[in-house]
Amino acid sequence: MKQIFTITADTENHAGVLHRLTSVFTRRKVNIESLCVSETHVDGISRFTISVKLEEVQVQKIIAQIARIIEVKYVAYYTDNQLLFKELAFLKIAVSSIEERRSVEDVARRYNSSVALVDDRTIVLEKIGSEADISSLYHLLSEYRILEFVRSGRIAVTRLSDVTRFSEDSDDRSSKARMVILSTPPVVS
């Protein structure tokens, strides 16, 4: 059965790695739901966080392919209950009156959003949360005139205390990637 999986890959920060990683998905005709790339606490190492909706056997094949990429130092996949994850969204809304602006601000407060910017004609809201949280806020605000809407990709850390990622203490930065397959989600309390 298809479900959302999050693949994380720690890689050397070199030109072309993004292309090589995404090519794995393209060759298999897999749609990437969300992609986020950022620096990590280790100098020269970047983290790719990729969300896909697939069957588990397909995800296992994909991470086996990703592990073969020379710059990849660590790759694993997780289900949502194994992760703490969030997204960020900005909504820019046209307001024609003070009352309308206050109404938008009230919705923002009720849904734990913050006002990032206000001027005479627009208000920009910032929402940090799950995809569902952000979608709910968007639909609630759809009665107003939304001028712009943008959301980030998923960022995530594992809830598991025993997963060791690539670290500064690693002796051999050129070693093969460590591939972790977690087929049975652990119980998270």
Protein backbone atom coordinates (compact mmCIF):
# COMPACT_ATOMS: atom_id res chain seq x y z
CA MET A 1 0.00 0.00 0.00
CA LYS A 2 1.26 3.46 -0.88
CA GLN A 3 2.03 5.80 1.96
CA ILE A 4 4.21 8.83 2.66
CA PHE A 5 7.85 8.02 3.37
CA THR A 6 10.58 10.52 4.16
CA ILE A 7 14.03 9.76 2.80
CA THR A 8 16.99 11.53 4.35
CA ALA A 9 20.43 11.55 2.81
CA ASP A 10 23.55 13.19 4.20
CA THR A 11 25.92 14.03 1.34
CA GLU A 12 29.10 15.88 0.60
CA ASN A 13 28.26 19.42 -0.47
CA HIS A 14 29.41 19.24 -4.12
CA ALA A 15 27.98 20.54 -7.38
CA GLY A 16 25.85 17.99 -9.20
CA VAL A 17 24.72 15.97 -6.17
CA LEU A 18 21.16 17.30 -6.40
CA HIS A 19 20.98 16.23 -10.04
CA ARG A 20 22.36 12.74 -9.32
CA LEU A 21 19.94 12.25 -6.44
CA THR A 22 16.84 13.44 -8.27
CA SER A 23 17.82 11.37 -11.32
CA VAL A 24 17.23 8.24 -9.23
CA PHE A 25 13.58 9.29 -8.90
CA THR A 26 13.25 10.42 -12.51
CA ARG A 27 14.54 7.10 -13.88
CA ARG A 28 11.90 5.27 -11.83
CA LYS A 29 9.17 7.79 -12.77
CA VAL A 30 8.61 8.64 -9.11
CA ASN A 31 7.12 11.99 -8.15
CA ILE A 32 8.84 13.83 -5.32
CA GLU A 33 6.18 15.31 -3.01
CA SER A 34 8.64 17.52 -1.12
CA LEU A 35 12.37 18.26 -1.32
CA CYS A 36 14.49 20.29 1.06
CA VAL A 37 18.27 20.62 1.06
CA SER A 38 20.24 22.34 3.80
CA GLU A 39 23.57 22.44 5.59
CA THR A 40 24.08 20.23 8.63
CA HIS A 41 26.10 20.63 11.80
CA VAL A 42 29.02 18.96 9.98
CA ASP A 43 31.13 21.22 7.77
CA GLY A 44 30.81 20.26 4.10
CA ILE A 45 27.82 17.94 4.62
CA SER A 46 24.30 18.68 3.34
CA ARG A 47 21.04 16.98 4.29
CA PHE A 48 18.45 16.08 1.66
CA THR A 49 14.95 15.50 3.03
CA ILE A 50 12.71 13.98 0.38
CA SER A 51 9.04 12.98 0.78
CA VAL A 52 7.50 10.43 -1.56
CA LYS A 53 4.24 8.50 -1.71
CA LEU A 54 5.15 4.90 -2.56
CA GLU A 55 5.03 1.33 -1.44
CA GLU A 56 7.79 0.38 1.00
CA VAL A 57 9.48 -2.03 -1.40
CA GLN A 58 9.89 0.81 -3.93
CA VAL A 59 11.42 3.08 -1.28
CA GLN A 60 13.91 0.37 -0.33
CA LYS A 61 15.03 0.10 -3.97
CA ILE A 62 15.39 3.87 -4.24
CA ILE A 63 17.56 4.21 -1.14
CA ALA A 64 19.73 1.32 -2.35
CA GLN A 65 20.32 3.32 -5.54
CA ILE A 66 20.97 6.55 -3.62
CA ALA A 67 23.52 4.75 -1.42
CA ARG A 68 25.58 4.04 -4.57
CA ILE A 69 26.12 7.75 -5.26
CA ILE A 70 29.72 8.52 -4.27
CA GLU A 71 28.94 11.72 -2.33
CA VAL A 72 26.23 10.08 -0.21
CA LYS A 73 27.43 9.29 3.30
CA TYR A 74 24.17 8.17 4.89
CA VAL A 75 20.70 7.39 3.59
CA ALA A 76 17.59 6.13 5.37
CA TYR A 77 13.82 6.22 5.09
CA TYR A 78 11.19 6.74 7.74
CA THR A 79 7.45 6.76 8.26
CA ASP A 80 5.80 9.84 9.75
CA ASN A 81 5.52 8.35 13.25
CA GLN A 82 9.33 7.93 13.34
CA LEU A 83 9.96 11.64 12.72
CA LEU A 84 9.47 15.10 14.07
CA PHE A 85 8.78 17.11 10.92
CA LYS A 86 7.54 20.57 9.96
CA GLU A 87 7.05 22.82 6.97
CA LEU A 88 7.01 26.61 6.69
CA ALA A 89 4.50 28.61 4.67
CA PHE A 90 3.94 32.27 3.84
CA LEU A 91 0.54 33.60 2.80
CA LYS A 92 0.29 37.12 1.41
CA ILE A 93 -3.28 38.39 1.60
CA ALA A 94 -4.82 41.57 0.20
CA VAL A 95 -6.74 43.60 2.77
CA SER A 96 -8.93 46.56 1.88
CA SER A 97 -9.78 47.77 5.37
CA ILE A 98 -8.63 47.71 8.97
CA GLU A 99 -11.55 45.43 9.83
CA GLU A 100 -10.53 42.93 7.15
CA ARG A 101 -6.91 43.01 8.39
CA ARG A 102 -8.08 42.37 11.96
CA SER A 103 -10.23 39.48 10.76
CA VAL A 104 -7.22 37.89 9.02
CA GLU A 105 -5.09 38.46 12.14
CA ASP A 106 -7.76 36.74 14.27
CA VAL A 107 -7.69 33.66 12.02
CA ALA A 108 -3.89 33.69 12.19
CA ARG A 109 -3.91 33.77 15.99
CA ARG A 110 -6.47 30.96 16.25
CA TYR A 111 -4.29 28.76 14.03
CA ASN A 112 -0.94 29.54 15.71
CA SER A 113 0.34 31.62 12.82
CA SER A 114 2.28 34.81 13.12
CA VAL A 115 2.05 38.07 11.24
CA ALA A 116 5.36 38.50 9.41
CA LEU A 117 4.61 41.77 7.60
CA VAL A 118 1.80 44.33 7.42
CA ASP A 119 1.27 47.36 5.23
CA ASP A 120 -1.78 49.37 4.12
CA ARG A 121 -2.92 46.86 1.49
CA THR A 122 -1.44 43.48 2.45
CA ILE A 123 -0.68 41.21 5.35
CA VAL A 124 1.84 38.35 5.25
CA LEU A 125 1.27 35.39 7.57
CA GLU A 126 3.87 32.82 8.55
CA LYS A 127 2.77 29.31 9.50
CA ILE A 128 5.00 26.53 10.79
CA GLY A 129 3.39 23.12 11.05
CA SER A 130 2.45 19.93 9.29
CA GLU A 131 1.22 19.84 5.72
CA ALA A 132 -2.32 19.34 7.07
CA ASP A 133 -2.01 22.37 9.41
CA ILE A 134 -0.85 24.59 6.57
CA SER A 135 -3.54 23.32 4.19
CA SER A 136 -6.24 23.94 6.81
CA LEU A 137 -5.08 27.52 7.32
CA TYR A 138 -4.93 28.07 3.54
CA HIS A 139 -8.50 26.83 3.07
CA LEU A 140 -9.72 28.96 5.97
CA LEU A 141 -8.16 32.04 4.41
CA SER A 142 -9.38 31.25 0.89
CA GLU A 143 -12.40 33.52 1.45
CA TYR A 144 -9.90 36.42 1.39
CA ARG A 145 -7.87 37.42 -1.65
CA ILE A 146 -4.64 35.41 -1.40
CA LEU A 147 -2.01 37.15 -3.52
CA GLU A 148 0.84 34.71 -2.90
CA PHE A 149 1.25 31.37 -1.21
CA VAL A 150 4.52 29.49 -0.84
CA ARG A 151 5.54 26.58 1.35
CA SER A 152 8.86 24.97 2.06
CA GLY A 153 9.69 21.34 1.77
CA ARG A 154 9.56 19.11 4.81
CA ILE A 155 12.40 19.27 7.32
CA ALA A 156 12.74 16.42 9.77
CA VAL A 157 14.73 14.77 12.54
CA THR A 158 14.20 11.26 13.80
CA ARG A 159 12.48 10.54 17.07
CA LEU A 160 14.80 7.56 17.45
CA SER A 161 17.69 7.94 19.86
CA ASP A 162 19.71 5.04 18.46
CA VAL A 163 20.11 6.26 14.85
CA THR A 164 23.61 7.60 14.30
CA ARG A 165 24.14 9.78 11.27
CA PHE A 166 27.34 10.86 9.59
CA SER A 167 29.26 12.97 12.11
CA GLU A 168 32.34 15.14 12.38
CA ASP A 169 34.03 12.31 14.26
CA SER A 170 33.86 9.95 11.27
CA ASP A 171 37.35 8.84 10.30
CA ASP A 172 36.77 8.16 6.63
CA ARG A 173 34.70 10.69 4.71
CA SER A 174 35.19 8.74 1.48
CA SER A 175 33.67 5.52 2.80
CA LYS A 176 30.52 4.03 1.28
CA ALA A 177 27.16 5.33 2.44
CA ARG A 178 25.56 3.72 5.44
CA MET A 179 22.10 2.63 4.40
CA VAL A 180 19.46 2.18 7.06
CA ILE A 181 16.23 0.36 6.37
CA LEU A 182 13.69 0.62 9.15
CA SER A 183 10.92 -1.71 8.05
CA THR A 184 9.10 -1.96 11.37
CA PRO A 185 8.32 1.42 12.93
CA PRO A 186 9.35 1.48 16.58
CA VAL A 187 6.83 2.41 19.23
CA VAL A 188 7.14 6.10 20.02
CA SER A 189 5.72 7.26 23.32
